PDB file of N, CA and C in Angstrom:
ATOM      1  N   UNK A   1     -17.132   3.685  14.038  1.00  0.00           N
ATOM      2  CA  UNK A   1     -16.854   2.565  13.142  1.00  0.00           C
ATOM      3  C   UNK A   1     -15.347   2.302  13.035  1.00  0.00           C
ATOM      4  N   UNK A   2     -15.011   1.079  12.731  1.00  0.00           N
ATOM      5  CA  UNK A   2     -13.620   0.689  12.511  1.00  0.00           C
ATOM      6  C   UNK A   2     -13.395   0.566  11.015  1.00  0.00           C
ATOM      7  N   UNK A   3     -12.345   1.198  10.551  1.00  0.00           N
ATOM      8  CA  UNK A   3     -12.034   1.178   9.123  1.00  0.00           C
ATOM      9  C   UNK A   3     -10.588   0.738   8.950  1.00  0.00           C
ATOM     10  N   UNK A   4     -10.343  -0.113   7.978  1.00  0.00           N
ATOM     11  CA  UNK A   4      -8.971  -0.504   7.667  1.00  0.00           C
ATOM     12  C   UNK A   4      -8.866  -0.787   6.176  1.00  0.00           C
ATOM     13  N   UNK A   5      -7.657  -0.826   5.691  1.00  0.00           N
ATOM     14  CA  UNK A   5      -7.392  -1.120   4.289  1.00  0.00           C
ATOM     15  C   UNK A   5      -6.569  -2.395   4.228  1.00  0.00           C
ATOM     16  N   UNK A   6      -6.999  -3.316   3.398  1.00  0.00           N
ATOM     17  CA  UNK A   6      -6.294  -4.587   3.273  1.00  0.00           C
ATOM     18  C   UNK A   6      -5.548  -4.631   1.940  1.00  0.00           C
ATOM     19  N   UNK A   7      -4.438  -3.914   1.866  1.00  0.00           N
ATOM     20  CA  UNK A   7      -3.603  -3.948   0.673  1.00  0.00           C
ATOM     21  C   UNK A   7      -2.657  -5.131   0.827  1.00  0.00           C
ATOM     22  N   UNK A   8      -2.653  -6.007  -0.164  1.00  0.00           N
ATOM     23  CA  UNK A   8      -1.883  -7.250  -0.098  1.00  0.00           C
ATOM     24  C   UNK A   8      -0.668  -7.166  -1.015  1.00  0.00           C
ATOM     25  N   UNK A   9       0.515  -7.300  -0.438  1.00  0.00           N
ATOM     26  CA  UNK A   9       1.751  -7.248  -1.223  1.00  0.00           C
ATOM     27  C   UNK A   9       2.352  -8.636  -1.441  1.00  0.00           C
ATOM     28  N   UNK A  10       1.632  -9.696  -1.113  1.00  0.00           N
ATOM     29  CA  UNK A  10       2.200 -11.041  -1.240  1.00  0.00           C
ATOM     30  C   UNK A  10       2.516 -11.407  -2.684  1.00  0.00           C
ATOM     31  N   UNK A  11       1.797 -10.838  -3.650  1.00  0.00           N
ATOM     32  CA  UNK A  11       2.055 -11.109  -5.068  1.00  0.00           C
ATOM     33  C   UNK A  11       2.922 -10.039  -5.720  1.00  0.00           C
ATOM     34  N   UNK A  12       3.456  -9.141  -4.925  1.00  0.00           N
ATOM     35  CA  UNK A  12       4.289  -8.069  -5.468  1.00  0.00           C
ATOM     36  C   UNK A  12       5.526  -8.655  -6.141  1.00  0.00           C
ATOM     37  N   UNK A  13       5.955  -8.059  -7.246  1.00  0.00           N
ATOM     38  CA  UNK A  13       7.195  -8.526  -7.881  1.00  0.00           C
ATOM     39  C   UNK A  13       8.438  -8.111  -7.089  1.00  0.00           C
ATOM     40  N   UNK A  14       8.249  -7.323  -6.028  1.00  0.00           N
ATOM     41  CA  UNK A  14       9.373  -6.799  -5.260  1.00  0.00           C
ATOM     42  C   UNK A  14       9.424  -7.430  -3.873  1.00  0.00           C
ATOM     43  N   UNK A  15      10.547  -8.078  -3.595  1.00  0.00           N
ATOM     44  CA  UNK A  15      10.719  -8.748  -2.311  1.00  0.00           C
ATOM     45  C   UNK A  15      10.599  -7.774  -1.139  1.00  0.00           C
ATOM     46  N   UNK A  16      11.043  -6.537  -1.352  1.00  0.00           N
ATOM     47  CA  UNK A  16      10.954  -5.534  -0.297  1.00  0.00           C
ATOM     48  C   UNK A  16       9.525  -5.259   0.134  1.00  0.00           C
ATOM     49  N   UNK A  17       8.584  -5.291  -0.799  1.00  0.00           N
ATOM     50  CA  UNK A  17       7.175  -5.091  -0.447  1.00  0.00           C
ATOM     51  C   UNK A  17       6.551  -6.382   0.082  1.00  0.00           C
ATOM     52  N   UNK A  18       7.008  -7.519  -0.407  1.00  0.00           N
ATOM     53  CA  UNK A  18       6.518  -8.794   0.121  1.00  0.00           C
ATOM     54  C   UNK A  18       6.847  -8.930   1.608  1.00  0.00           C
ATOM     55  N   UNK A  19       7.911  -8.272   2.041  1.00  0.00           N
ATOM     56  CA  UNK A  19       8.325  -8.348   3.446  1.00  0.00           C
ATOM     57  C   UNK A  19       7.231  -7.858   4.389  1.00  0.00           C
ATOM     58  N   UNK A  20       6.336  -6.983   3.905  1.00  0.00           N
ATOM     59  CA  UNK A  20       5.192  -6.564   4.727  1.00  0.00           C
ATOM     60  C   UNK A  20       4.352  -7.784   5.092  1.00  0.00           C
ATOM     61  N   UNK A  21       4.117  -8.638   4.121  1.00  0.00           N
ATOM     62  CA  UNK A  21       3.272  -9.810   4.338  1.00  0.00           C
ATOM     63  C   UNK A  21       3.965 -10.853   5.207  1.00  0.00           C
ATOM     64  N   UNK A  22       5.285 -10.871   5.196  1.00  0.00           N
ATOM     65  CA  UNK A  22       6.045 -11.831   6.002  1.00  0.00           C
ATOM     66  C   UNK A  22       6.154 -11.377   7.451  1.00  0.00           C
ATOM     67  N   UNK A  23       5.735 -10.152   7.739  1.00  0.00           N
ATOM     68  CA  UNK A  23       5.773  -9.645   9.105  1.00  0.00           C
ATOM     69  C   UNK A  23       7.088  -9.007   9.517  1.00  0.00           C
ATOM     70  N   UNK A  24       7.980  -8.758   8.545  1.00  0.00           N
ATOM     71  CA  UNK A  24       9.277  -8.164   8.858  1.00  0.00           C
ATOM     72  C   UNK A  24       9.230  -6.647   8.967  1.00  0.00           C
ATOM     73  N   UNK A  25       8.182  -6.043   8.436  1.00  0.00           N
ATOM     74  CA  UNK A  25       8.083  -4.585   8.441  1.00  0.00           C
ATOM     75  C   UNK A  25       6.919  -4.186   9.329  1.00  0.00           C
ATOM     76  N   UNK A  26       7.170  -3.327  10.270  1.00  0.00           N
ATOM     77  CA  UNK A  26       6.144  -2.840  11.199  1.00  0.00           C
ATOM     78  C   UNK A  26       5.523  -1.584  10.634  1.00  0.00           C
ATOM     79  N   UNK A  27       4.237  -1.587  10.494  1.00  0.00           N
ATOM     80  CA  UNK A  27       3.522  -0.409  10.020  1.00  0.00           C
ATOM     81  C   UNK A  27       2.780   0.196  11.196  1.00  0.00           C
ATOM     82  N   UNK A  28       2.960   1.467  11.373  1.00  0.00           N
ATOM     83  CA  UNK A  28       2.249   2.178  12.431  1.00  0.00           C
ATOM     84  C   UNK A  28       0.903   2.636  11.910  1.00  0.00           C
ATOM     85  N   UNK A  29       0.765   3.912  11.676  1.00  0.00           N
ATOM     86  CA  UNK A  29      -0.490   4.448  11.155  1.00  0.00           C
ATOM     87  C   UNK A  29      -0.281   5.224   9.865  1.00  0.00           C
ATOM     88  N   UNK A  30       0.953   5.417   9.457  1.00  0.00           N
ATOM     89  CA  UNK A  30       1.243   6.252   8.285  1.00  0.00           C
ATOM     90  C   UNK A  30       0.600   5.765   7.006  1.00  0.00           C
ATOM     91  N   UNK A  31       1.023   4.613   6.533  1.00  0.00           N
ATOM     92  CA  UNK A  31       0.523   4.086   5.263  1.00  0.00           C
ATOM     93  C   UNK A  31      -0.956   3.721   5.371  1.00  0.00           C
ATOM     94  N   UNK A  32      -1.322   3.047   6.451  1.00  0.00           N
ATOM     95  CA  UNK A  32      -2.717   2.650   6.629  1.00  0.00           C
ATOM     96  C   UNK A  32      -3.646   3.841   6.751  1.00  0.00           C
ATOM     97  N   UNK A  33      -3.239   4.821   7.539  1.00  0.00           N
ATOM     98  CA  UNK A  33      -4.056   6.025   7.708  1.00  0.00           C
ATOM     99  C   UNK A  33      -4.199   6.804   6.421  1.00  0.00           C
ATOM    100  N   UNK A  34      -3.103   6.935   5.679  1.00  0.00           N
ATOM    101  CA  UNK A  34      -3.156   7.645   4.401  1.00  0.00           C
ATOM    102  C   UNK A  34      -4.035   6.898   3.405  1.00  0.00           C
ATOM    103  N   UNK A  35      -3.972   5.575   3.420  1.00  0.00           N
ATOM    104  CA  UNK A  35      -4.784   4.764   2.512  1.00  0.00           C
ATOM    105  C   UNK A  35      -6.271   4.907   2.818  1.00  0.00           C
ATOM    106  N   UNK A  36      -6.622   4.787   4.093  1.00  0.00           N
ATOM    107  CA  UNK A  36      -8.023   4.958   4.489  1.00  0.00           C
ATOM    108  C   UNK A  36      -8.496   6.360   4.123  1.00  0.00           C
ATOM    109  N   UNK A  37      -7.683   7.362   4.419  1.00  0.00           N
ATOM    110  CA  UNK A  37      -8.047   8.741   4.094  1.00  0.00           C
ATOM    111  C   UNK A  37      -8.294   8.943   2.611  1.00  0.00           C
ATOM    112  N   UNK A  38      -7.441   8.370   1.768  1.00  0.00           N
ATOM    113  CA  UNK A  38      -7.598   8.512   0.315  1.00  0.00           C
ATOM    114  C   UNK A  38      -8.888   7.865  -0.167  1.00  0.00           C
ATOM    115  N   UNK A  39      -9.194   6.687   0.356  1.00  0.00           N
ATOM    116  CA  UNK A  39     -10.410   5.988  -0.066  1.00  0.00           C
ATOM    117  C   UNK A  39     -11.657   6.719   0.426  1.00  0.00           C
ATOM    118  N   UNK A  40     -11.657   7.116   1.684  1.00  0.00           N
ATOM    119  CA  UNK A  40     -12.821   7.811   2.246  1.00  0.00           C
ATOM    120  C   UNK A  40     -13.026   9.163   1.569  1.00  0.00           C
ATOM    121  N   UNK A  41     -11.950   9.927   1.425  1.00  0.00           N
ATOM    122  CA  UNK A  41     -12.039  11.273   0.842  1.00  0.00           C
ATOM    123  C   UNK A  41     -12.503  11.228  -0.610  1.00  0.00           C
ATOM    124  N   UNK A  42     -12.181  10.157  -1.320  1.00  0.00           N
ATOM    125  CA  UNK A  42     -12.573  10.052  -2.730  1.00  0.00           C
ATOM    126  C   UNK A  42     -13.934   9.382  -2.892  1.00  0.00           C
ATOM    127  N   UNK A  43     -14.601   9.097  -1.795  1.00  0.00           N
ATOM    128  CA  UNK A  43     -15.902   8.420  -1.803  1.00  0.00           C
ATOM    129  C   UNK A  43     -15.811   7.087  -2.545  1.00  0.00           C
ATOM    130  N   UNK A  44     -14.700   6.380  -2.345  1.00  0.00           N
ATOM    131  CA  UNK A  44     -14.536   5.066  -2.946  1.00  0.00           C
ATOM    132  C   UNK A  44     -13.975   5.056  -4.350  1.00  0.00           C
ATOM    133  N   UNK A  45     -13.682   6.227  -4.910  1.00  0.00           N
ATOM    134  CA  UNK A  45     -13.122   6.267  -6.268  1.00  0.00           C
ATOM    135  C   UNK A  45     -11.684   5.759  -6.287  1.00  0.00           C
ATOM    136  N   UNK A  46     -10.979   5.897  -5.169  1.00  0.00           N
ATOM    137  CA  UNK A  46      -9.647   5.314  -5.026  1.00  0.00           C
ATOM    138  C   UNK A  46      -9.843   3.942  -4.387  1.00  0.00           C
ATOM    139  N   UNK A  47      -9.295   2.917  -5.018  1.00  0.00           N
ATOM    140  CA  UNK A  47      -9.457   1.546  -4.531  1.00  0.00           C
ATOM    141  C   UNK A  47      -8.134   1.009  -3.980  1.00  0.00           C
ATOM    142  N   UNK A  48      -8.200  -0.148  -3.342  1.00  0.00           N
ATOM    143  CA  UNK A  48      -6.971  -0.790  -2.858  1.00  0.00           C
ATOM    144  C   UNK A  48      -6.033  -1.090  -4.022  1.00  0.00           C
ATOM    145  N   UNK A  49      -6.583  -1.466  -5.174  1.00  0.00           N
ATOM    146  CA  UNK A  49      -5.745  -1.727  -6.353  1.00  0.00           C
ATOM    147  C   UNK A  49      -5.064  -0.451  -6.802  1.00  0.00           C
ATOM    148  N   UNK A  50      -5.796   0.666  -6.809  1.00  0.00           N
ATOM    149  CA  UNK A  50      -5.182   1.955  -7.163  1.00  0.00           C
ATOM    150  C   UNK A  50      -4.012   2.261  -6.229  1.00  0.00           C
ATOM    151  N   UNK A  51      -4.230   2.049  -4.931  1.00  0.00           N
ATOM    152  CA  UNK A  51      -3.178   2.315  -3.947  1.00  0.00           C
ATOM    153  C   UNK A  51      -1.976   1.407  -4.178  1.00  0.00           C
ATOM    154  N   UNK A  52      -2.231   0.130  -4.394  1.00  0.00           N
ATOM    155  CA  UNK A  52      -1.153  -0.825  -4.629  1.00  0.00           C
ATOM    156  C   UNK A  52      -0.358  -0.468  -5.884  1.00  0.00           C
ATOM    157  N   UNK A  53      -1.065  -0.100  -6.948  1.00  0.00           N
ATOM    158  CA  UNK A  53      -0.392   0.295  -8.193  1.00  0.00           C
ATOM    159  C   UNK A  53       0.508   1.500  -7.970  1.00  0.00           C
ATOM    160  N   UNK A  54       0.023   2.484  -7.223  1.00  0.00           N
ATOM    161  CA  UNK A  54       0.812   3.692  -6.961  1.00  0.00           C
ATOM    162  C   UNK A  54       2.016   3.366  -6.072  1.00  0.00           C
ATOM    163  N   UNK A  55       1.826   2.516  -5.074  1.00  0.00           N
ATOM    164  CA  UNK A  55       2.941   2.107  -4.216  1.00  0.00           C
ATOM    165  C   UNK A  55       4.021   1.435  -5.061  1.00  0.00           C
ATOM    166  N   UNK A  56       3.610   0.550  -5.976  1.00  0.00           N
ATOM    167  CA  UNK A  56       4.580  -0.115  -6.850  1.00  0.00           C
ATOM    168  C   UNK A  56       5.303   0.899  -7.741  1.00  0.00           C
ATOM    169  N   UNK A  57       4.577   1.855  -8.262  1.00  0.00           N
ATOM    170  CA  UNK A  57       5.187   2.895  -9.102  1.00  0.00           C
ATOM    171  C   UNK A  57       6.246   3.685  -8.321  1.00  0.00           C
ATOM    172  N   UNK A  58       5.888   4.111  -7.123  1.00  0.00           N
ATOM    173  CA  UNK A  58       6.816   4.888  -6.295  1.00  0.00           C
ATOM    174  C   UNK A  58       8.003   4.019  -5.877  1.00  0.00           C
ATOM    175  N   UNK A  59       7.742   2.776  -5.509  1.00  0.00           N
ATOM    176  CA  UNK A  59       8.809   1.862  -5.087  1.00  0.00           C
ATOM    177  C   UNK A  59       9.814   1.652  -6.222  1.00  0.00           C
ATOM    178  N   UNK A  60       9.300   1.437  -7.447  1.00  0.00           N
ATOM    179  CA  UNK A  60      10.193   1.280  -8.608  1.00  0.00           C
ATOM    180  C   UNK A  60      11.102   2.486  -8.758  1.00  0.00           C
ATOM    181  N   UNK A  61      10.530   3.682  -8.611  1.00  0.00           N
ATOM    182  CA  UNK A  61      11.314   4.906  -8.739  1.00  0.00           C
ATOM    183  C   UNK A  61      12.363   5.052  -7.653  1.00  0.00           C
ATOM    184  N   UNK A  62      11.963   4.793  -6.411  1.00  0.00           N
ATOM    185  CA  UNK A  62      12.893   4.919  -5.285  1.00  0.00           C
ATOM    186  C   UNK A  62      14.045   3.923  -5.416  1.00  0.00           C
ATOM    187  N   UNK A  63      13.724   2.704  -5.819  1.00  0.00           N
ATOM    188  CA  UNK A  63      14.736   1.651  -5.898  1.00  0.00           C
ATOM    189  C   UNK A  63      15.538   1.702  -7.202  1.00  0.00           C
ATOM    190  N   UNK A  64      15.138   2.589  -8.127  1.00  0.00           N
ATOM    191  CA  UNK A  64      15.856   2.718  -9.395  1.00  0.00           C
ATOM    192  C   UNK A  64      15.569   1.595 -10.371  1.00  0.00           C
ATOM    193  N   UNK A  65      14.384   1.006 -10.283  1.00  0.00           N
ATOM    194  CA  UNK A  65      14.010  -0.093 -11.167  1.00  0.00           C
ATOM    195  C   UNK A  65      13.420   0.382 -12.490  1.00  0.00           C
ATOM    196  N   UNK A  66      13.222   1.675 -12.646  1.00  0.00           N
ATOM    197  CA  UNK A  66      12.629   2.197 -13.898  1.00  0.00           C
ATOM    198  C   UNK A  66      13.635   2.193 -15.018  1.00  0.00           C
TER     199      UNK A  66
END
């Protein structure tokens, strides 16, 4: 089977994450693979929204927006 995660950053408040949707950032298998693994391993208890929320939380911390 083919599995993928469709996390959408187009509505992100952060331009750096919106750049994923604009095609400026190349994603290999790291983020996508980790996302699929988290969802599969949790039997669906982790959702795309959960992943997006956590990415935003980590991004805020890294960028010093907290």
